[in-house]
């Protein structure tokens, strides 16, 4: 089953988030670096203004092994360091396995 990595960006009174940079630079960078390791898709959601987070990205990996390889890849520090270029807040990661619709 697929592994979904949810990335949440906290929203505070003083937080900043450069959405244009995020979509044009960061997400293509993550896609370029992690597709060889099993990234199959990603989606970004602008969250409700009352939510404690501004944006959410969900990254889809083939399986747990693919995510582990991507996260441990030599290219990953470049992806993680890029967060400072668009967000004043560190991201929150939630990682889980897709659950089939029927058990």
PDB file of N, CA and C in Angstrom:
ATOM      1  N   UNK A   1       0.846  -1.188   0.000  1.00  0.00           N
ATOM      2  CA  UNK A   1       0.000   0.000   0.000  1.00  0.00           C
ATOM      3  C   UNK A   1       0.885   1.243   0.000  1.00  0.00           C
ATOM      4  N   UNK A   2       0.324   2.301  -0.520  1.00  0.00           N
ATOM      5  CA  UNK A   2       1.036   3.576  -0.579  1.00  0.00           C
ATOM      6  C   UNK A   2       1.283   4.144   0.811  1.00  0.00           C
ATOM      7  N   UNK A   3       2.352   4.914   0.901  1.00  0.00           N
ATOM      8  CA  UNK A   3       2.629   5.693   2.102  1.00  0.00           C
ATOM      9  C   UNK A   3       2.346   7.144   1.764  1.00  0.00           C
ATOM     10  N   UNK A   4       1.591   7.801   2.639  1.00  0.00           N
ATOM     11  CA  UNK A   4       1.275   9.214   2.461  1.00  0.00           C
ATOM     12  C   UNK A   4       2.049  10.011   3.493  1.00  0.00           C
ATOM     13  N   UNK A   5       2.766  11.008   3.010  1.00  0.00           N
ATOM     14  CA  UNK A   5       3.504  11.915   3.879  1.00  0.00           C
ATOM     15  C   UNK A   5       2.778  13.250   3.826  1.00  0.00           C
ATOM     16  N   UNK A   6       2.184  13.626   4.936  1.00  0.00           N
ATOM     17  CA  UNK A   6       1.473  14.900   5.030  1.00  0.00           C
ATOM     18  C   UNK A   6       2.417  15.918   5.645  1.00  0.00           C
ATOM     19  N   UNK A   7       2.558  17.045   4.960  1.00  0.00           N
ATOM     20  CA  UNK A   7       3.434  18.120   5.418  1.00  0.00           C
ATOM     21  C   UNK A   7       2.549  19.320   5.731  1.00  0.00           C
ATOM     22  N   UNK A   8       2.577  19.760   6.975  1.00  0.00           N
ATOM     23  CA  UNK A   8       1.748  20.883   7.421  1.00  0.00           C
ATOM     24  C   UNK A   8       2.636  22.061   7.797  1.00  0.00           C
ATOM     25  N   UNK A   9       2.195  23.259   7.423  1.00  0.00           N
ATOM     26  CA  UNK A   9       2.946  24.475   7.735  1.00  0.00           C
ATOM     27  C   UNK A   9       2.165  25.291   8.753  1.00  0.00           C
ATOM     28  N   UNK A  10       2.683  25.400   9.986  1.00  0.00           N
ATOM     29  CA  UNK A  10       1.977  26.122  11.044  1.00  0.00           C
ATOM     30  C   UNK A  10       1.724  27.584  10.681  1.00  0.00           C
ATOM     31  N   UNK A  11       0.572  28.054  11.131  1.00  0.00           N
ATOM     32  CA  UNK A  11       0.187  29.449  10.909  1.00  0.00           C
ATOM     33  C   UNK A  11       0.132  30.142  12.260  1.00  0.00           C
ATOM     34  N   UNK A  12       0.899  31.213  12.392  1.00  0.00           N
ATOM     35  CA  UNK A  12       0.885  32.030  13.599  1.00  0.00           C
ATOM     36  C   UNK A  12       0.665  33.481  13.179  1.00  0.00           C
ATOM     37  N   UNK A  13       0.569  34.357  14.151  1.00  0.00           N
ATOM     38  CA  UNK A  13       0.386  35.776  13.840  1.00  0.00           C
ATOM     39  C   UNK A  13       1.557  36.338  13.044  1.00  0.00           C
ATOM     40  N   UNK A  14       2.750  35.795  13.264  1.00  0.00           N
ATOM     41  CA  UNK A  14       3.943  36.340  12.617  1.00  0.00           C
ATOM     42  C   UNK A  14       4.506  35.449  11.514  1.00  0.00           C
ATOM     43  N   UNK A  15       3.886  34.319  11.248  1.00  0.00           N
ATOM     44  CA  UNK A  15       4.447  33.409  10.253  1.00  0.00           C
ATOM     45  C   UNK A  15       4.284  33.960   8.839  1.00  0.00           C
ATOM     46  N   UNK A  16       5.226  33.572   7.990  1.00  0.00           N
ATOM     47  CA  UNK A  16       5.165  33.938   6.576  1.00  0.00           C
ATOM     48  C   UNK A  16       5.312  32.681   5.736  1.00  0.00           C
ATOM     49  N   UNK A  17       4.705  32.708   4.555  1.00  0.00           N
ATOM     50  CA  UNK A  17       4.760  31.572   3.643  1.00  0.00           C
ATOM     51  C   UNK A  17       4.693  32.120   2.225  1.00  0.00           C
ATOM     52  N   UNK A  18       5.721  31.852   1.432  1.00  0.00           N
ATOM     53  CA  UNK A  18       5.784  32.310   0.041  1.00  0.00           C
ATOM     54  C   UNK A  18       5.230  31.207  -0.861  1.00  0.00           C
ATOM     55  N   UNK A  19       3.930  31.274  -1.112  1.00  0.00           N
ATOM     56  CA  UNK A  19       3.251  30.227  -1.874  1.00  0.00           C
ATOM     57  C   UNK A  19       3.782  30.128  -3.301  1.00  0.00           C
ATOM     58  N   UNK A  20       4.084  31.252  -3.917  1.00  0.00           N
ATOM     59  CA  UNK A  20       4.589  31.256  -5.288  1.00  0.00           C
ATOM     60  C   UNK A  20       5.913  30.490  -5.364  1.00  0.00           C
ATOM     61  N   UNK A  21       6.816  30.772  -4.451  1.00  0.00           N
ATOM     62  CA  UNK A  21       8.096  30.057  -4.410  1.00  0.00           C
ATOM     63  C   UNK A  21       7.854  28.564  -4.161  1.00  0.00           C
ATOM     64  N   UNK A  22       6.973  28.284  -3.236  1.00  0.00           N
ATOM     65  CA  UNK A  22       6.675  26.898  -2.867  1.00  0.00           C
ATOM     66  C   UNK A  22       6.232  26.075  -4.077  1.00  0.00           C
ATOM     67  N   UNK A  23       5.302  26.622  -4.840  1.00  0.00           N
ATOM     68  CA  UNK A  23       4.760  25.875  -5.978  1.00  0.00           C
ATOM     69  C   UNK A  23       5.696  25.859  -7.187  1.00  0.00           C
ATOM     70  N   UNK A  24       6.423  26.939  -7.404  1.00  0.00           N
ATOM     71  CA  UNK A  24       7.277  27.036  -8.596  1.00  0.00           C
ATOM     72  C   UNK A  24       8.685  26.487  -8.389  1.00  0.00           C
ATOM     73  N   UNK A  25       9.158  26.479  -7.157  1.00  0.00           N
ATOM     74  CA  UNK A  25      10.537  26.049  -6.897  1.00  0.00           C
ATOM     75  C   UNK A  25      10.628  24.819  -5.988  1.00  0.00           C
ATOM     76  N   UNK A  26       9.979  24.902  -4.814  1.00  0.00           N
ATOM     77  CA  UNK A  26      10.175  23.835  -3.834  1.00  0.00           C
ATOM     78  C   UNK A  26       9.534  22.513  -4.251  1.00  0.00           C
ATOM     79  N   UNK A  27       8.283  22.545  -4.624  1.00  0.00           N
ATOM     80  CA  UNK A  27       7.632  21.281  -4.972  1.00  0.00           C
ATOM     81  C   UNK A  27       8.258  20.626  -6.206  1.00  0.00           C
ATOM     82  N   UNK A  28       8.625  21.385  -7.244  1.00  0.00           N
ATOM     83  CA  UNK A  28       9.364  20.746  -8.344  1.00  0.00           C
ATOM     84  C   UNK A  28      10.715  20.173  -7.895  1.00  0.00           C
ATOM     85  N   UNK A  29      11.375  20.840  -6.953  1.00  0.00           N
ATOM     86  CA  UNK A  29      12.636  20.325  -6.414  1.00  0.00           C
ATOM     87  C   UNK A  29      12.406  18.993  -5.705  1.00  0.00           C
ATOM     88  N   UNK A  30      11.403  18.942  -4.843  1.00  0.00           N
ATOM     89  CA  UNK A  30      11.085  17.698  -4.134  1.00  0.00           C
ATOM     90  C   UNK A  30      10.723  16.593  -5.124  1.00  0.00           C
ATOM     91  N   UNK A  31       9.943  16.940  -6.125  1.00  0.00           N
ATOM     92  CA  UNK A  31       9.549  15.953  -7.135  1.00  0.00           C
ATOM     93  C   UNK A  31      10.778  15.425  -7.883  1.00  0.00           C
ATOM     94  N   UNK A  32      11.657  16.317  -8.279  1.00  0.00           N
ATOM     95  CA  UNK A  32      12.873  15.916  -9.000  1.00  0.00           C
ATOM     96  C   UNK A  32      13.746  14.988  -8.162  1.00  0.00           C
ATOM     97  N   UNK A  33      13.929  15.334  -6.901  1.00  0.00           N
ATOM     98  CA  UNK A  33      14.834  14.571  -6.043  1.00  0.00           C
ATOM     99  C   UNK A  33      14.234  13.254  -5.560  1.00  0.00           C
ATOM    100  N   UNK A  34      12.918  13.212  -5.349  1.00  0.00           N
ATOM    101  CA  UNK A  34      12.313  12.031  -4.731  1.00  0.00           C
ATOM    102  C   UNK A  34      11.593  11.082  -5.686  1.00  0.00           C
ATOM    103  N   UNK A  35      11.287  11.504  -6.889  1.00  0.00           N
ATOM    104  CA  UNK A  35      10.642  10.589  -7.842  1.00  0.00           C
ATOM    105  C   UNK A  35      11.488   9.338  -8.089  1.00  0.00           C
ATOM    106  N   UNK A  36      12.810   9.459  -8.228  1.00  0.00           N
ATOM    107  CA  UNK A  36      13.608   8.242  -8.428  1.00  0.00           C
ATOM    108  C   UNK A  36      13.521   7.244  -7.268  1.00  0.00           C
ATOM    109  N   UNK A  37      13.084   7.707  -6.106  1.00  0.00           N
ATOM    110  CA  UNK A  37      12.983   6.837  -4.931  1.00  0.00           C
ATOM    111  C   UNK A  37      11.564   6.323  -4.686  1.00  0.00           C
ATOM    112  N   UNK A  38      10.608   6.729  -5.519  1.00  0.00           N
ATOM    113  CA  UNK A  38       9.259   6.193  -5.359  1.00  0.00           C
ATOM    114  C   UNK A  38       8.166   7.199  -5.104  1.00  0.00           C
ATOM    115  N   UNK A  39       8.460   8.503  -5.188  1.00  0.00           N
ATOM    116  CA  UNK A  39       7.384   9.499  -5.113  1.00  0.00           C
ATOM    117  C   UNK A  39       6.537   9.352  -6.367  1.00  0.00           C
ATOM    118  N   UNK A  40       5.236   9.157  -6.199  1.00  0.00           N
ATOM    119  CA  UNK A  40       4.363   8.936  -7.354  1.00  0.00           C
ATOM    120  C   UNK A  40       3.432  10.103  -7.645  1.00  0.00           C
ATOM    121  N   UNK A  41       3.161  10.927  -6.641  1.00  0.00           N
ATOM    122  CA  UNK A  41       2.238  12.050  -6.831  1.00  0.00           C
ATOM    123  C   UNK A  41       2.329  12.965  -5.618  1.00  0.00           C
ATOM    124  N   UNK A  42       1.807  14.176  -5.773  1.00  0.00           N
ATOM    125  CA  UNK A  42       1.686  15.094  -4.642  1.00  0.00           C
ATOM    126  C   UNK A  42       0.555  16.059  -4.921  1.00  0.00           C
ATOM    127  N   UNK A  43      -0.050  16.540  -3.845  1.00  0.00           N
ATOM    128  CA  UNK A  43      -1.104  17.549  -3.933  1.00  0.00           C
ATOM    129  C   UNK A  43      -0.880  18.562  -2.819  1.00  0.00           C
ATOM    130  N   UNK A  44      -1.292  19.800  -3.082  1.00  0.00           N
ATOM    131  CA  UNK A  44      -1.175  20.871  -2.095  1.00  0.00           C
ATOM    132  C   UNK A  44      -2.559  21.438  -1.851  1.00  0.00           C
ATOM    133  N   UNK A  45      -2.859  21.717  -0.593  1.00  0.00           N
ATOM    134  CA  UNK A  45      -4.151  22.280  -0.202  1.00  0.00           C
ATOM    135  C   UNK A  45      -3.932  23.557   0.591  1.00  0.00           C
ATOM    136  N   UNK A  46      -4.654  24.616   0.220  1.00  0.00           N
ATOM    137  CA  UNK A  46      -4.688  25.829   1.042  1.00  0.00           C
ATOM    138  C   UNK A  46      -5.770  25.577   2.078  1.00  0.00           C
ATOM    139  N   UNK A  47      -5.395  25.626   3.334  1.00  0.00           N
ATOM    140  CA  UNK A  47      -6.332  25.284   4.399  1.00  0.00           C
ATOM    141  C   UNK A  47      -7.200  26.476   4.793  1.00  0.00           C
ATOM    142  N   UNK A  48      -8.305  26.165   5.439  1.00  0.00           N
ATOM    143  CA  UNK A  48      -9.250  27.171   5.904  1.00  0.00           C
ATOM    144  C   UNK A  48      -8.539  28.206   6.766  1.00  0.00           C
ATOM    145  N   UNK A  49      -8.972  29.449   6.677  1.00  0.00           N
ATOM    146  CA  UNK A  49      -8.308  30.528   7.421  1.00  0.00           C
ATOM    147  C   UNK A  49      -8.328  30.323   8.934  1.00  0.00           C
ATOM    148  N   UNK A  50      -9.245  29.526   9.447  1.00  0.00           N
ATOM    149  CA  UNK A  50      -9.316  29.266  10.888  1.00  0.00           C
ATOM    150  C   UNK A  50      -8.459  28.077  11.330  1.00  0.00           C
ATOM    151  N   UNK A  51      -7.870  27.382  10.370  1.00  0.00           N
ATOM    152  CA  UNK A  51      -7.032  26.224  10.698  1.00  0.00           C
ATOM    153  C   UNK A  51      -5.710  26.684  11.312  1.00  0.00           C
ATOM    154  N   UNK A  52      -5.098  25.853  12.135  1.00  0.00           N
ATOM    155  CA  UNK A  52      -3.813  26.222  12.738  1.00  0.00           C
ATOM    156  C   UNK A  52      -2.631  26.092  11.764  1.00  0.00           C
ATOM    157  N   UNK A  53      -2.919  25.655  10.544  1.00  0.00           N
ATOM    158  CA  UNK A  53      -1.897  25.509   9.510  1.00  0.00           C
ATOM    159  C   UNK A  53      -2.347  26.274   8.272  1.00  0.00           C
ATOM    160  N   UNK A  54      -1.385  26.800   7.517  1.00  0.00           N
ATOM    161  CA  UNK A  54      -1.731  27.569   6.322  1.00  0.00           C
ATOM    162  C   UNK A  54      -1.888  26.681   5.093  1.00  0.00           C
ATOM    163  N   UNK A  55      -0.953  25.747   4.905  1.00  0.00           N
ATOM    164  CA  UNK A  55      -0.970  24.866   3.741  1.00  0.00           C
ATOM    165  C   UNK A  55      -0.656  23.449   4.169  1.00  0.00           C
ATOM    166  N   UNK A  56      -1.095  22.532   3.314  1.00  0.00           N
ATOM    167  CA  UNK A  56      -0.839  21.111   3.528  1.00  0.00           C
ATOM    168  C   UNK A  56      -0.390  20.522   2.199  1.00  0.00           C
ATOM    169  N   UNK A  57       0.658  19.743   2.239  1.00  0.00           N
ATOM    170  CA  UNK A  57       1.062  18.969   1.064  1.00  0.00           C
ATOM    171  C   UNK A  57       0.946  17.499   1.437  1.00  0.00           C
ATOM    172  N   UNK A  58       0.462  16.712   0.506  1.00  0.00           N
ATOM    173  CA  UNK A  58       0.436  15.266   0.705  1.00  0.00           C
ATOM    174  C   UNK A  58       1.277  14.656  -0.405  1.00  0.00           C
ATOM    175  N   UNK A  59       2.303  13.924  -0.006  1.00  0.00           N
ATOM    176  CA  UNK A  59       3.197  13.266  -0.945  1.00  0.00           C
ATOM    177  C   UNK A  59       2.895  11.773  -0.916  1.00  0.00           C
ATOM    178  N   UNK A  60       2.751  11.185  -2.081  1.00  0.00           N
ATOM    179  CA  UNK A  60       2.410   9.774  -2.211  1.00  0.00           C
ATOM    180  C   UNK A  60       3.654   8.991  -2.634  1.00  0.00           C
ATOM    181  N   UNK A  61       4.016   8.009  -1.839  1.00  0.00           N
ATOM    182  CA  UNK A  61       5.137   7.137  -2.161  1.00  0.00           C
ATOM    183  C   UNK A  61       4.613   5.727  -2.387  1.00  0.00           C
ATOM    184  N   UNK A  62       5.333   4.954  -3.195  1.00  0.00           N
ATOM    185  CA  UNK A  62       4.906   3.591  -3.531  1.00  0.00           C
ATOM    186  C   UNK A  62       4.645   2.745  -2.289  1.00  0.00           C
ATOM    187  N   UNK A  63       5.544   2.850  -1.315  1.00  0.00           N
ATOM    188  CA  UNK A  63       5.438   2.037  -0.102  1.00  0.00           C
ATOM    189  C   UNK A  63       6.376   2.600   0.964  1.00  0.00           C
ATOM    190  N   UNK A  64       6.392   1.969   2.119  1.00  0.00           N
ATOM    191  CA  UNK A  64       7.219   2.434   3.238  1.00  0.00           C
ATOM    192  C   UNK A  64       8.699   2.432   2.873  1.00  0.00           C
ATOM    193  N   UNK A  65       9.124   1.418   2.160  1.00  0.00           N
ATOM    194  CA  UNK A  65      10.531   1.327   1.761  1.00  0.00           C
ATOM    195  C   UNK A  65      10.919   2.494   0.847  1.00  0.00           C
ATOM    196  N   UNK A  66      10.030   2.866  -0.056  1.00  0.00           N
ATOM    197  CA  UNK A  66      10.293   3.998  -0.957  1.00  0.00           C
ATOM    198  C   UNK A  66      10.446   5.288  -0.173  1.00  0.00           C
ATOM    199  N   UNK A  67       9.542   5.520   0.779  1.00  0.00           N
ATOM    200  CA  UNK A  67       9.642   6.727   1.603  1.00  0.00           C
ATOM    201  C   UNK A  67      10.942   6.724   2.402  1.00  0.00           C
ATOM    202  N   UNK A  68      11.291   5.595   2.998  1.00  0.00           N
ATOM    203  CA  UNK A  68      12.519   5.509   3.796  1.00  0.00           C
ATOM    204  C   UNK A  68      13.747   5.807   2.937  1.00  0.00           C
ATOM    205  N   UNK A  69      13.776   5.268   1.730  1.00  0.00           N
ATOM    206  CA  UNK A  69      14.909   5.525   0.829  1.00  0.00           C
ATOM    207  C   UNK A  69      14.966   6.995   0.434  1.00  0.00           C
ATOM    208  N   UNK A  70      13.824   7.587   0.154  1.00  0.00           N
ATOM    209  CA  UNK A  70      13.788   9.002  -0.221  1.00  0.00           C
ATOM    210  C   UNK A  70      14.269   9.871   0.930  1.00  0.00           C
ATOM    211  N   UNK A  71      13.778   9.601   2.125  1.00  0.00           N
ATOM    212  CA  UNK A  71      14.127  10.435   3.277  1.00  0.00           C
ATOM    213  C   UNK A  71      15.609  10.316   3.638  1.00  0.00           C
ATOM    214  N   UNK A  72      16.193   9.159   3.366  1.00  0.00           N
ATOM    215  CA  UNK A  72      17.606   8.940   3.675  1.00  0.00           C
ATOM    216  C   UNK A  72      18.526   9.236   2.495  1.00  0.00           C
ATOM    217  N   UNK A  73      17.967   9.652   1.380  1.00  0.00           N
ATOM    218  CA  UNK A  73      18.747   9.901   0.168  1.00  0.00           C
ATOM    219  C   UNK A  73      19.708  11.072   0.356  1.00  0.00           C
ATOM    220  N   UNK A  74      20.827  11.055  -0.346  1.00  0.00           N
ATOM    221  CA  UNK A  74      21.789  12.154  -0.231  1.00  0.00           C
ATOM    222  C   UNK A  74      21.230  13.494  -0.709  1.00  0.00           C
ATOM    223  N   UNK A  75      20.181  13.472  -1.526  1.00  0.00           N
ATOM    224  CA  UNK A  75      19.562  14.704  -2.024  1.00  0.00           C
ATOM    225  C   UNK A  75      18.614  15.350  -1.012  1.00  0.00           C
ATOM    226  N   UNK A  76      18.176  14.607  -0.031  1.00  0.00           N
ATOM    227  CA  UNK A  76      17.153  15.091   0.898  1.00  0.00           C
ATOM    228  C   UNK A  76      17.560  16.326   1.699  1.00  0.00           C
ATOM    229  N   UNK A  77      18.790  16.451   2.167  1.00  0.00           N
ATOM    230  CA  UNK A  77      19.144  17.690   2.877  1.00  0.00           C
ATOM    231  C   UNK A  77      18.916  18.955   2.041  1.00  0.00           C
ATOM    232  N   UNK A  78      19.067  18.863   0.733  1.00  0.00           N
ATOM    233  CA  UNK A  78      18.811  20.011  -0.146  1.00  0.00           C
ATOM    234  C   UNK A  78      17.328  20.369  -0.111  1.00  0.00           C
ATOM    235  N   UNK A  79      16.472  19.365  -0.161  1.00  0.00           N
ATOM    236  CA  UNK A  79      15.020  19.592  -0.118  1.00  0.00           C
ATOM    237  C   UNK A  79      14.628  20.199   1.228  1.00  0.00           C
ATOM    238  N   UNK A  80      15.126  19.638   2.302  1.00  0.00           N
ATOM    239  CA  UNK A  80      14.769  20.121   3.638  1.00  0.00           C
ATOM    240  C   UNK A  80      15.311  21.524   3.907  1.00  0.00           C
ATOM    241  N   UNK A  81      16.513  21.812   3.445  1.00  0.00           N
ATOM    242  CA  UNK A  81      17.100  23.142   3.654  1.00  0.00           C
ATOM    243  C   UNK A  81      16.330  24.219   2.898  1.00  0.00           C
ATOM    244  N   UNK A  82      15.655  23.839   1.832  1.00  0.00           N
ATOM    245  CA  UNK A  82      14.912  24.805   1.020  1.00  0.00           C
ATOM    246  C   UNK A  82      13.690  25.360   1.746  1.00  0.00           C
ATOM    247  N   UNK A  83      13.225  24.695   2.778  1.00  0.00           N
ATOM    248  CA  UNK A  83      12.045  25.159   3.522  1.00  0.00           C
ATOM    249  C   UNK A  83      12.234  26.598   4.001  1.00  0.00           C
ATOM    250  N   UNK A  84      13.431  26.940   4.415  1.00  0.00           N
ATOM    251  CA  UNK A  84      13.704  28.299   4.914  1.00  0.00           C
ATOM    252  C   UNK A  84      13.510  29.369   3.841  1.00  0.00           C
ATOM    253  N   UNK A  85      13.485  28.975   2.578  1.00  0.00           N
ATOM    254  CA  UNK A  85      13.294  29.936   1.489  1.00  0.00           C
ATOM    255  C   UNK A  85      11.840  30.343   1.287  1.00  0.00           C
ATOM    256  N   UNK A  86      10.902  29.622   1.893  1.00  0.00           N
ATOM    257  CA  UNK A  86       9.491  29.967   1.690  1.00  0.00           C
ATOM    258  C   UNK A  86       8.656  29.980   2.970  1.00  0.00           C
ATOM    259  N   UNK A  87       9.137  29.386   4.046  1.00  0.00           N
ATOM    260  CA  UNK A  87       8.344  29.331   5.275  1.00  0.00           C
ATOM    261  C   UNK A  87       9.161  29.796   6.474  1.00  0.00           C
ATOM    262  N   UNK A  88       8.550  30.645   7.281  1.00  0.00           N
ATOM    263  CA  UNK A  88       9.221  31.080   8.509  1.00  0.00           C
ATOM    264  C   UNK A  88       9.087  30.041   9.620  1.00  0.00           C
ATOM    265  N   UNK A  89       8.227  29.065   9.404  1.00  0.00           N
ATOM    266  CA  UNK A  89       7.969  28.032  10.417  1.00  0.00           C
ATOM    267  C   UNK A  89       8.444  26.672   9.910  1.00  0.00           C
ATOM    268  N   UNK A  90       8.988  25.837  10.790  1.00  0.00           N
ATOM    269  CA  UNK A  90       9.341  24.480  10.368  1.00  0.00           C
ATOM    270  C   UNK A  90       8.077  23.669  10.084  1.00  0.00           C
ATOM    271  N   UNK A  91       8.195  22.768   9.139  1.00  0.00           N
ATOM    272  CA  UNK A  91       7.057  21.933   8.759  1.00  0.00           C
ATOM    273  C   UNK A  91       6.820  20.832   9.792  1.00  0.00           C
ATOM    274  N   UNK A  92       5.576  20.396   9.872  1.00  0.00           N
ATOM    275  CA  UNK A  92       5.176  19.261  10.704  1.00  0.00           C
ATOM    276  C   UNK A  92       4.891  18.102   9.754  1.00  0.00           C
ATOM    277  N   UNK A  93       5.507  16.943   9.995  1.00  0.00           N
ATOM    278  CA  UNK A  93       5.307  15.775   9.137  1.00  0.00           C
ATOM    279  C   UNK A  93       4.432  14.737   9.827  1.00  0.00           C
ATOM    280  N   UNK A  94       3.493  14.190   9.071  1.00  0.00           N
ATOM    281  CA  UNK A  94       2.679  13.056   9.512  1.00  0.00           C
ATOM    282  C   UNK A  94       2.845  11.977   8.451  1.00  0.00           C
ATOM    283  N   UNK A  95       3.214  10.788   8.859  1.00  0.00           N
ATOM    284  CA  UNK A  95       3.492   9.721   7.907  1.00  0.00           C
ATOM    285  C   UNK A  95       2.600   8.536   8.227  1.00  0.00           C
ATOM    286  N   UNK A  96       1.931   8.022   7.200  1.00  0.00           N
ATOM    287  CA  UNK A  96       1.044   6.892   7.437  1.00  0.00           C
ATOM    288  C   UNK A  96       0.839   6.043   6.202  1.00  0.00           C
ATOM    289  N   UNK A  97       0.358   4.846   6.434  1.00  0.00           N
ATOM    290  CA  UNK A  97       0.066   3.913   5.359  1.00  0.00           C
ATOM    291  C   UNK A  97      -1.375   4.059   4.906  1.00  0.00           C
ATOM    292  N   UNK A  98      -1.566   4.009   3.610  1.00  0.00           N
ATOM    293  CA  UNK A  98      -2.914   4.041   3.054  1.00  0.00           C
ATOM    294  C   UNK A  98      -3.682   2.812   3.541  1.00  0.00           C
ATOM    295  N   UNK A  99      -4.932   3.012   3.893  1.00  0.00           N
ATOM    296  CA  UNK A  99      -5.779   1.923   4.358  1.00  0.00           C
ATOM    297  C   UNK A  99      -6.729   1.553   3.221  1.00  0.00           C
ATOM    298  N   UNK A 100      -6.835   0.267   2.898  1.00  0.00           N
ATOM    299  CA  UNK A 100      -7.746  -0.118   1.822  1.00  0.00           C
ATOM    300  C   UNK A 100      -9.198   0.181   2.183  1.00  0.00           C
ATOM    301  N   UNK A 101     -10.009   0.438   1.169  1.00  0.00           N
ATOM    302  CA  UNK A 101     -11.423   0.761   1.398  1.00  0.00           C
ATOM    303  C   UNK A 101     -12.182  -0.419   1.980  1.00  0.00           C
ATOM    304  N   UNK A 102     -11.751  -1.606   1.638  1.00  0.00           N
ATOM    305  CA  UNK A 102     -12.372  -2.803   2.214  1.00  0.00           C
ATOM    306  C   UNK A 102     -11.296  -3.604   2.929  1.00  0.00           C
ATOM    307  N   UNK A 103     -11.618  -4.069   4.102  1.00  0.00           N
ATOM    308  CA  UNK A 103     -10.616  -4.805   4.888  1.00  0.00           C
ATOM    309  C   UNK A 103     -10.698  -6.284   4.631  1.00  0.00           C
TER     310      UNK A 103
END
